PDB file of N, CA and C in Angstrom:
ATOM      1  N   MET A   1     148.012  97.646 125.966  1.00  0.00           N
ATOM      2  CA  MET A   1     148.328  96.323 126.440  1.00  0.00           C
ATOM      3  C   MET A   1     147.256  95.813 127.416  1.00  0.00           C
ATOM      4  N   LEU A   2     146.826  96.708 128.318  1.00  0.00           N
ATOM      5  CA  LEU A   2     145.798  96.317 129.289  1.00  0.00           C
ATOM      6  C   LEU A   2     144.488  95.988 128.582  1.00  0.00           C
ATOM      7  N   ARG A   3     144.174  96.732 127.534  1.00  0.00           N
ATOM      8  CA  ARG A   3     142.949  96.490 126.775  1.00  0.00           C
ATOM      9  C   ARG A   3     142.983  95.097 126.127  1.00  0.00           C
ATOM     10  N   LEU A   4     144.143  94.723 125.582  1.00  0.00           N
ATOM     11  CA  LEU A   4     144.285  93.396 124.979  1.00  0.00           C
ATOM     12  C   LEU A   4     144.169  92.295 126.025  1.00  0.00           C
ATOM     13  N   ALA A   5     144.761  92.522 127.184  1.00  0.00           N
ATOM     14  CA  ALA A   5     144.666  91.524 128.261  1.00  0.00           C
ATOM     15  C   ALA A   5     143.219  91.371 128.716  1.00  0.00           C
ATOM     16  N   GLY A   6     142.506  92.479 128.850  1.00  0.00           N
ATOM     17  CA  GLY A   6     141.101  92.419 129.238  1.00  0.00           C
ATOM     18  C   GLY A   6     140.244  91.707 128.199  1.00  0.00           C
ATOM     19  N   THR A   7     140.524  91.985 126.937  1.00  0.00           N
ATOM     20  CA  THR A   7     139.792  91.323 125.861  1.00  0.00           C
ATOM     21  C   THR A   7     140.045  89.823 125.869  1.00  0.00           C
ATOM     22  N   ALA A   8     141.305  89.449 126.052  1.00  0.00           N
ATOM     23  CA  ALA A   8     141.649  88.024 126.103  1.00  0.00           C
ATOM     24  C   ALA A   8     140.957  87.338 127.279  1.00  0.00           C
ATOM     25  N   TYR A   9     140.888  88.011 128.419  1.00  0.00           N
ATOM     26  CA  TYR A   9     140.237  87.431 129.596  1.00  0.00           C
ATOM     27  C   TYR A   9     138.747  87.223 129.352  1.00  0.00           C
ATOM     28  N   VAL A  10     138.088  88.209 128.777  1.00  0.00           N
ATOM     29  CA  VAL A  10     136.651  88.085 128.512  1.00  0.00           C
ATOM     30  C   VAL A  10     136.381  86.982 127.495  1.00  0.00           C
ATOM     31  N   LEU A  11     137.232  86.875 126.470  1.00  0.00           N
ATOM     32  CA  LEU A  11     137.066  85.796 125.499  1.00  0.00           C
ATOM     33  C   LEU A  11     137.296  84.426 126.134  1.00  0.00           C
ATOM     34  N   TRP A  12     138.258  84.344 127.042  1.00  0.00           N
ATOM     35  CA  TRP A  12     138.509  83.090 127.753  1.00  0.00           C
ATOM     36  C   TRP A  12     137.293  82.706 128.606  1.00  0.00           C
ATOM     37  N   LEU A  13     136.688  83.687 129.290  1.00  0.00           N
ATOM     38  CA  LEU A  13     135.468  83.420 130.065  1.00  0.00           C
ATOM     39  C   LEU A  13     134.337  82.946 129.159  1.00  0.00           C
ATOM     40  N   ALA A  14     134.177  83.610 128.025  1.00  0.00           N
ATOM     41  CA  ALA A  14     133.114  83.222 127.084  1.00  0.00           C
ATOM     42  C   ALA A  14     133.331  81.802 126.580  1.00  0.00           C
ATOM     43  N   TRP A  15     134.562  81.454 126.272  1.00  0.00           N
ATOM     44  CA  TRP A  15     134.863  80.103 125.813  1.00  0.00           C
ATOM     45  C   TRP A  15     134.542  79.078 126.897  1.00  0.00           C
ATOM     46  N   GLY A  16     134.848  79.405 128.144  1.00  0.00           N
ATOM     47  CA  GLY A  16     134.521  78.508 129.251  1.00  0.00           C
ATOM     48  C   GLY A  16     133.019  78.315 129.398  1.00  0.00           C
ATOM     49  N   PHE A  17     132.253  79.378 129.227  1.00  0.00           N
ATOM     50  CA  PHE A  17     130.797  79.267 129.309  1.00  0.00           C
ATOM     51  C   PHE A  17     130.251  78.410 128.180  1.00  0.00           C
ATOM     52  N   LEU A  18     130.792  78.605 126.987  1.00  0.00           N
ATOM     53  CA  LEU A  18     130.334  77.809 125.848  1.00  0.00           C
ATOM     54  C   LEU A  18     130.668  76.336 126.031  1.00  0.00           C
ATOM     55  N   ARG A  19     131.868  76.042 126.484  1.00  0.00           N
ATOM     56  CA  ARG A  19     132.267  74.651 126.710  1.00  0.00           C
ATOM     57  C   ARG A  19     131.429  74.004 127.808  1.00  0.00           C
ATOM     58  N   ALA A  20     131.093  74.761 128.838  1.00  0.00           N
ATOM     59  CA  ALA A  20     130.299  74.205 129.932  1.00  0.00           C
ATOM     60  C   ALA A  20     128.926  73.771 129.442  1.00  0.00           C
ATOM     61  N   GLY A  21     128.355  74.505 128.505  1.00  0.00           N
ATOM     62  CA  GLY A  21     127.056  74.148 127.961  1.00  0.00           C
ATOM     63  C   GLY A  21     127.107  73.006 126.970  1.00  0.00           C
ATOM     64  N   LEU A  22     128.271  72.746 126.406  1.00  0.00           N
ATOM     65  CA  LEU A  22     128.401  71.700 125.399  1.00  0.00           C
ATOM     66  C   LEU A  22     128.691  70.326 125.990  1.00  0.00           C
ATOM     67  N   ASN A  23     129.011  70.255 127.263  1.00  0.00           N
ATOM     68  CA  ASN A  23     129.352  68.977 127.878  1.00  0.00           C
ATOM     69  C   ASN A  23     128.167  68.025 127.965  1.00  0.00           C
ATOM     70  N   GLY A  24     126.964  68.519 127.845  1.00  0.00           N
ATOM     71  CA  GLY A  24     125.788  67.670 127.916  1.00  0.00           C
ATOM     72  C   GLY A  24     125.401  67.294 129.336  1.00  0.00           C
ATOM     73  N   ASP A  25     126.037  67.910 130.308  1.00  0.00           N
ATOM     74  CA  ASP A  25     125.724  67.630 131.698  1.00  0.00           C
ATOM     75  C   ASP A  25     124.446  68.380 132.057  1.00  0.00           C
ATOM     76  N   SER A  26     123.381  67.643 132.299  1.00  0.00           N
ATOM     77  CA  SER A  26     122.092  68.277 132.567  1.00  0.00           C
ATOM     78  C   SER A  26     121.788  68.340 134.054  1.00  0.00           C
ATOM     79  N   ALA A  27     122.793  68.161 134.900  1.00  0.00           N
ATOM     80  CA  ALA A  27     122.570  68.221 136.339  1.00  0.00           C
ATOM     81  C   ALA A  27     122.163  69.637 136.742  1.00  0.00           C
ATOM     82  N   THR A  28     121.271  69.716 137.697  1.00  0.00           N
ATOM     83  CA  THR A  28     120.831  71.011 138.190  1.00  0.00           C
ATOM     84  C   THR A  28     121.937  71.617 139.040  1.00  0.00           C
ATOM     85  N   PRO A  29     122.349  72.844 138.741  1.00  0.00           N
ATOM     86  CA  PRO A  29     123.426  73.448 139.524  1.00  0.00           C
ATOM     87  C   PRO A  29     122.957  73.783 140.937  1.00  0.00           C
ATOM     88  N   GLU A  30     123.878  73.688 141.861  1.00  0.00           N
ATOM     89  CA  GLU A  30     123.586  74.034 143.252  1.00  0.00           C
ATOM     90  C   GLU A  30     123.579  75.547 143.408  1.00  0.00           C
ATOM     91  N   PRO A  31     122.691  76.081 144.235  1.00  0.00           N
ATOM     92  CA  PRO A  31     122.714  77.524 144.494  1.00  0.00           C
ATOM     93  C   PRO A  31     124.031  77.923 145.165  1.00  0.00           C
ATOM     94  N   VAL A  32     124.487  79.102 144.858  1.00  0.00           N
ATOM     95  CA  VAL A  32     125.768  79.571 145.379  1.00  0.00           C
ATOM     96  C   VAL A  32     125.678  79.879 146.865  1.00  0.00           C
ATOM     97  N   GLY A  33     124.622  80.512 147.310  1.00  0.00           N
ATOM     98  CA  GLY A  33     124.470  80.878 148.716  1.00  0.00           C
ATOM     99  C   GLY A  33     125.099  82.226 149.017  1.00  0.00           C
ATOM    100  N   ILE A  34     124.884  82.699 150.234  1.00  0.00           N
ATOM    101  CA  ILE A  34     125.335  84.037 150.619  1.00  0.00           C
ATOM    102  C   ILE A  34     126.852  84.107 150.731  1.00  0.00           C
ATOM    103  N   THR A  35     127.489  83.069 151.251  1.00  0.00           N
ATOM    104  CA  THR A  35     128.947  83.086 151.403  1.00  0.00           C
ATOM    105  C   THR A  35     129.625  83.031 150.044  1.00  0.00           C
ATOM    106  N   GLY A  36     129.178  82.124 149.190  1.00  0.00           N
ATOM    107  CA  GLY A  36     129.750  82.033 147.850  1.00  0.00           C
ATOM    108  C   GLY A  36     129.503  83.285 147.042  1.00  0.00           C
ATOM    109  N   GLY A  37     128.320  83.852 147.182  1.00  0.00           N
ATOM    110  CA  GLY A  37     128.012  85.096 146.472  1.00  0.00           C
ATOM    111  C   GLY A  37     128.884  86.243 146.937  1.00  0.00           C
ATOM    112  N   GLY A  38     129.123  86.310 148.243  1.00  0.00           N
ATOM    113  CA  GLY A  38     130.011  87.347 148.774  1.00  0.00           C
ATOM    114  C   GLY A  38     131.434  87.197 148.268  1.00  0.00           C
ATOM    115  N   LEU A  39     131.905  85.950 148.198  1.00  0.00           N
ATOM    116  CA  LEU A  39     133.253  85.712 147.686  1.00  0.00           C
ATOM    117  C   LEU A  39     133.354  86.070 146.211  1.00  0.00           C
ATOM    118  N   ILE A  40     132.330  85.717 145.445  1.00  0.00           N
ATOM    119  CA  ILE A  40     132.324  86.076 144.026  1.00  0.00           C
ATOM    120  C   ILE A  40     132.342  87.590 143.878  1.00  0.00           C
ATOM    121  N   PHE A  41     131.574  88.277 144.709  1.00  0.00           N
ATOM    122  CA  PHE A  41     131.513  89.727 144.654  1.00  0.00           C
ATOM    123  C   PHE A  41     132.876  90.343 144.967  1.00  0.00           C
ATOM    124  N   LEU A  42     133.539  89.857 146.024  1.00  0.00           N
ATOM    125  CA  LEU A  42     134.827  90.421 146.426  1.00  0.00           C
ATOM    126  C   LEU A  42     135.954  90.070 145.458  1.00  0.00           C
ATOM    127  N   LEU A  43     135.886  88.892 144.847  1.00  0.00           N
ATOM    128  CA  LEU A  43     136.951  88.444 143.959  1.00  0.00           C
ATOM    129  C   LEU A  43     136.683  88.752 142.490  1.00  0.00           C
ATOM    130  N   ASN A  44     135.610  89.463 142.212  1.00  0.00           N
ATOM    131  CA  ASN A  44     135.257  89.803 140.839  1.00  0.00           C
ATOM    132  C   ASN A  44     136.297  90.757 140.255  1.00  0.00           C
ATOM    133  N   PRO A  45     137.075  90.316 139.269  1.00  0.00           N
ATOM    134  CA  PRO A  45     138.128  91.187 138.749  1.00  0.00           C
ATOM    135  C   PRO A  45     137.603  92.384 137.965  1.00  0.00           C
ATOM    136  N   LYS A  46     136.355  92.339 137.536  1.00  0.00           N
ATOM    137  CA  LYS A  46     135.804  93.461 136.769  1.00  0.00           C
ATOM    138  C   LYS A  46     135.411  94.621 137.671  1.00  0.00           C
ATOM    139  N   ALA A  47     135.123  94.348 138.925  1.00  0.00           N
ATOM    140  CA  ALA A  47     134.597  95.384 139.806  1.00  0.00           C
ATOM    141  C   ALA A  47     135.613  96.498 140.067  1.00  0.00           C
ATOM    142  N   TYR A  48     136.852  96.138 140.283  1.00  0.00           N
ATOM    143  CA  TYR A  48     137.838  97.138 140.664  1.00  0.00           C
ATOM    144  C   TYR A  48     138.212  98.082 139.528  1.00  0.00           C
ATOM    145  N   PRO A  49     138.402  97.606 138.295  1.00  0.00           N
ATOM    146  CA  PRO A  49     138.617  98.581 137.203  1.00  0.00           C
ATOM    147  C   PRO A  49     137.391  99.462 136.965  1.00  0.00           C
ATOM    148  N   ILE A  50     136.203  98.916 137.166  1.00  0.00           N
ATOM    149  CA  ILE A  50     134.993  99.721 136.989  1.00  0.00           C
ATOM    150  C   ILE A  50     134.965 100.846 138.011  1.00  0.00           C
ATOM    151  N   ILE A  51     135.349 100.544 139.245  1.00  0.00           N
ATOM    152  CA  ILE A  51     135.378 101.578 140.283  1.00  0.00           C
ATOM    153  C   ILE A  51     136.408 102.645 139.935  1.00  0.00           C
ATOM    154  N   MET A  52     137.589 102.224 139.464  1.00  0.00           N
ATOM    155  CA  MET A  52     138.612 103.205 139.085  1.00  0.00           C
ATOM    156  C   MET A  52     138.131 104.078 137.930  1.00  0.00           C
ATOM    157  N   MET A  53     137.479 103.467 136.933  1.00  0.00           N
ATOM    158  CA  MET A  53     136.977 104.249 135.805  1.00  0.00           C
ATOM    159  C   MET A  53     135.850 105.183 136.232  1.00  0.00           C
ATOM    160  N   MET A  54     135.049 104.744 137.190  1.00  0.00           N
ATOM    161  CA  MET A  54     133.954 105.574 137.676  1.00  0.00           C
ATOM    162  C   MET A  54     134.497 106.881 138.239  1.00  0.00           C
ATOM    163  N   PHE A  55     135.534 106.797 139.054  1.00  0.00           N
ATOM    164  CA  PHE A  55     136.067 108.012 139.656  1.00  0.00           C
ATOM    165  C   PHE A  55     136.888 108.842 138.672  1.00  0.00           C
ATOM    166  N   SER A  56     137.428 108.221 137.626  1.00  0.00           N
ATOM    167  CA  SER A  56     138.191 108.993 136.654  1.00  0.00           C
ATOM    168  C   SER A  56     137.275 109.841 135.766  1.00  0.00           C
ATOM    169  N   GLN A  57     135.981 109.542 135.740  1.00  0.00           N
ATOM    170  CA  GLN A  57     135.049 110.298 134.913  1.00  0.00           C
ATOM    171  C   GLN A  57     134.606 111.605 135.568  1.00  0.00           C
ATOM    172  N   PHE A  58     134.841 111.725 136.862  1.00  0.00           N
ATOM    173  CA  PHE A  58     134.376 112.892 137.603  1.00  0.00           C
ATOM    174  C   PHE A  58     135.577 113.590 138.233  1.00  0.00           C
ATOM    175  N   HIS A  59     135.515 114.890 138.288  1.00  0.00           N
ATOM    176  CA  HIS A  59     136.566 115.662 138.949  1.00  0.00           C
ATOM    177  C   HIS A  59     136.197 115.741 140.427  1.00  0.00           C
ATOM    178  N   VAL A  60     136.770 114.842 141.199  1.00  0.00           N
ATOM    179  CA  VAL A  60     136.440 114.754 142.621  1.00  0.00           C
ATOM    180  C   VAL A  60     137.315 115.733 143.383  1.00  0.00           C
ATOM    181  N   GLN A  61     136.684 116.779 143.934  1.00  0.00           N
ATOM    182  CA  GLN A  61     137.433 117.806 144.646  1.00  0.00           C
ATOM    183  C   GLN A  61     137.400 117.595 146.158  1.00  0.00           C
ATOM    184  N   THR A  62     136.336 117.020 146.646  1.00  0.00           N
ATOM    185  CA  THR A  62     136.213 116.851 148.099  1.00  0.00           C
ATOM    186  C   THR A  62     135.816 115.419 148.407  1.00  0.00           C
ATOM    187  N   SER A  63     135.993 115.053 149.655  1.00  0.00           N
ATOM    188  CA  SER A  63     135.588 113.709 150.064  1.00  0.00           C
ATOM    189  C   SER A  63     134.068 113.573 150.047  1.00  0.00           C
ATOM    190  N   ALA A  64     133.352 114.692 150.219  1.00  0.00           N
ATOM    191  CA  ALA A  64     131.885 114.643 150.154  1.00  0.00           C
ATOM    192  C   ALA A  64     131.436 114.281 148.739  1.00  0.00           C
ATOM    193  N   THR A  65     132.127 114.792 147.729  1.00  0.00           N
ATOM    194  CA  THR A  65     131.794 114.448 146.345  1.00  0.00           C
ATOM    195  C   THR A  65     132.059 112.967 146.091  1.00  0.00           C
ATOM    196  N   ALA A  66     133.192 112.478 146.573  1.00  0.00           N
ATOM    197  CA  ALA A  66     133.524 111.059 146.414  1.00  0.00           C
ATOM    198  C   ALA A  66     132.496 110.191 147.129  1.00  0.00           C
ATOM    199  N   LEU A  67     132.077 110.600 148.312  1.00  0.00           N
ATOM    200  CA  LEU A  67     131.069 109.846 149.058  1.00  0.00           C
ATOM    201  C   LEU A  67     129.736 109.847 148.326  1.00  0.00           C
ATOM    202  N   THR A  68     129.352 110.974 147.766  1.00  0.00           N
ATOM    203  CA  THR A  68     128.097 111.056 147.022  1.00  0.00           C
ATOM    204  C   THR A  68     128.125 110.136 145.806  1.00  0.00           C
ATOM    205  N   ILE A  69     129.222 110.176 145.055  1.00  0.00           N
ATOM    206  CA  ILE A  69     129.347 109.303 143.883  1.00  0.00           C
ATOM    207  C   ILE A  69     129.288 107.842 144.309  1.00  0.00           C
ATOM    208  N   SER A  70     129.993 107.508 145.382  1.00  0.00           N
ATOM    209  CA  SER A  70     130.006 106.126 145.872  1.00  0.00           C
ATOM    210  C   SER A  70     128.620 105.670 146.301  1.00  0.00           C
ATOM    211  N   LEU A  71     127.895 106.520 146.986  1.00  0.00           N
ATOM    212  CA  LEU A  71     126.549 106.149 147.441  1.00  0.00           C
ATOM    213  C   LEU A  71     125.592 105.952 146.266  1.00  0.00           C
ATOM    214  N   ILE A  72     125.698 106.794 145.255  1.00  0.00           N
ATOM    215  CA  ILE A  72     124.829 106.656 144.076  1.00  0.00           C
ATOM    216  C   ILE A  72     125.104 105.335 143.359  1.00  0.00           C
ATOM    217  N   PHE A  73     126.375 105.027 143.140  1.00  0.00           N
ATOM    218  CA  PHE A  73     126.705 103.784 142.445  1.00  0.00           C
ATOM    219  C   PHE A  73     126.397 102.557 143.303  1.00  0.00           C
ATOM    220  N   THR A  74     126.565 102.678 144.619  1.00  0.00           N
ATOM    221  CA  THR A  74     126.228 101.572 145.507  1.00  0.00           C
ATOM    222  C   THR A  74     124.728 101.300 145.492  1.00  0.00           C
ATOM    223  N   ALA A  75     123.929 102.364 145.525  1.00  0.00           N
ATOM    224  CA  ALA A  75     122.476 102.190 145.463  1.00  0.00           C
ATOM    225  C   ALA A  75     122.069 101.561 144.130  1.00  0.00           C
ATOM    226  N   ASN A  76     122.717 101.973 143.053  1.00  0.00           N
ATOM    227  CA  ASN A  76     122.438 101.397 141.745  1.00  0.00           C
ATOM    228  C   ASN A  76     122.759  99.906 141.740  1.00  0.00           C
ATOM    229  N   ASN A  77     123.907  99.531 142.284  1.00  0.00           N
ATOM    230  CA  ASN A  77     124.286  98.123 142.346  1.00  0.00           C
ATOM    231  C   ASN A  77     123.342  97.329 143.239  1.00  0.00           C
ATOM    232  N   LEU A  78     122.901  97.917 144.325  1.00  0.00           N
ATOM    233  CA  LEU A  78     121.973  97.232 145.220  1.00  0.00           C
ATOM    234  C   LEU A  78     120.679  96.879 144.493  1.00  0.00           C
ATOM    235  N   VAL A  79     120.154  97.827 143.740  1.00  0.00           N
ATOM    236  CA  VAL A  79     118.928  97.571 142.981  1.00  0.00           C
ATOM    237  C   VAL A  79     119.159  96.471 141.943  1.00  0.00           C
ATOM    238  N   ALA A  80     120.287  96.551 141.229  1.00  0.00           N
ATOM    239  CA  ALA A  80     120.569  95.546 140.200  1.00  0.00           C
ATOM    240  C   ALA A  80     120.760  94.158 140.814  1.00  0.00           C
ATOM    241  N   PHE A  81     121.524  94.070 141.904  1.00  0.00           N
ATOM    242  CA  PHE A  81     121.775  92.771 142.534  1.00  0.00           C
ATOM    243  C   PHE A  81     120.502  92.187 143.134  1.00  0.00           C
ATOM    244  N   LEU A  82     119.658  93.031 143.705  1.00  0.00           N
ATOM    245  CA  LEU A  82     118.387  92.527 144.242  1.00  0.00           C
ATOM    246  C   LEU A  82     117.499  92.002 143.119  1.00  0.00           C
ATOM    247  N   ALA A  83     117.482  92.689 141.997  1.00  0.00           N
ATOM    248  CA  ALA A  83     116.688  92.216 140.860  1.00  0.00           C
ATOM    249  C   ALA A  83     117.190  90.869 140.376  1.00  0.00           C
ATOM    250  N   TYR A  84     118.515  90.710 140.240  1.00  0.00           N
ATOM    251  CA  TYR A  84     119.093  89.434 139.821  1.00  0.00           C
ATOM    252  C   TYR A  84     118.793  88.338 140.837  1.00  0.00           C
ATOM    253  N   THR A  85     118.882  88.680 142.112  1.00  0.00           N
ATOM    254  CA  THR A  85     118.627  87.689 143.163  1.00  0.00           C
ATOM    255  C   THR A  85     117.179  87.243 143.149  1.00  0.00           C
ATOM    256  N   LEU A  86     116.274  88.183 143.057  1.00  0.00           N
ATOM    257  CA  LEU A  86     114.851  87.832 143.057  1.00  0.00           C
ATOM    258  C   LEU A  86     114.476  87.075 141.789  1.00  0.00           C
ATOM    259  N   ALA A  87     115.090  87.396 140.673  1.00  0.00           N
ATOM    260  CA  ALA A  87     114.799  86.688 139.434  1.00  0.00           C
ATOM    261  C   ALA A  87     115.357  85.258 139.473  1.00  0.00           C
ATOM    262  N   GLY A  88     116.413  85.039 140.238  1.00  0.00           N
ATOM    263  CA  GLY A  88     117.031  83.738 140.288  1.00  0.00           C
ATOM    264  C   GLY A  88     116.445  82.803 141.332  1.00  0.00           C
ATOM    265  N   THR A  89     115.661  83.323 142.253  1.00  0.00           N
ATOM    266  CA  THR A  89     115.064  82.451 143.267  1.00  0.00           C
ATOM    267  C   THR A  89     113.726  81.955 142.766  1.00  0.00           C
ATOM    268  N   GLY A  90     113.413  80.771 143.154  1.00  0.00           N
ATOM    269  CA  GLY A  90     112.091  80.379 142.789  1.00  0.00           C
ATOM    270  C   GLY A  90     111.977  79.010 142.349  1.00  0.00           C
TER     271      GLY A  90
END
């Protein structure tokens, strides 16, 4: 059931993106900024299931293991977000 709900949500997002491009509105979008970006990051519904799945893949026995996994994934996200940010500025 959760898989179907997730699929429906992603398809709904895709439909919204397609419709937004079809409106013919050629206005330049405003940059989101640091506050808007932070809110998008915190309210991103995909982030929390990804975190849960990340920890379900590993047998976490100690808090040090959990901290190590968290730091590795955080560093990975930092690199990815910086790349997206630098590619989008300009």
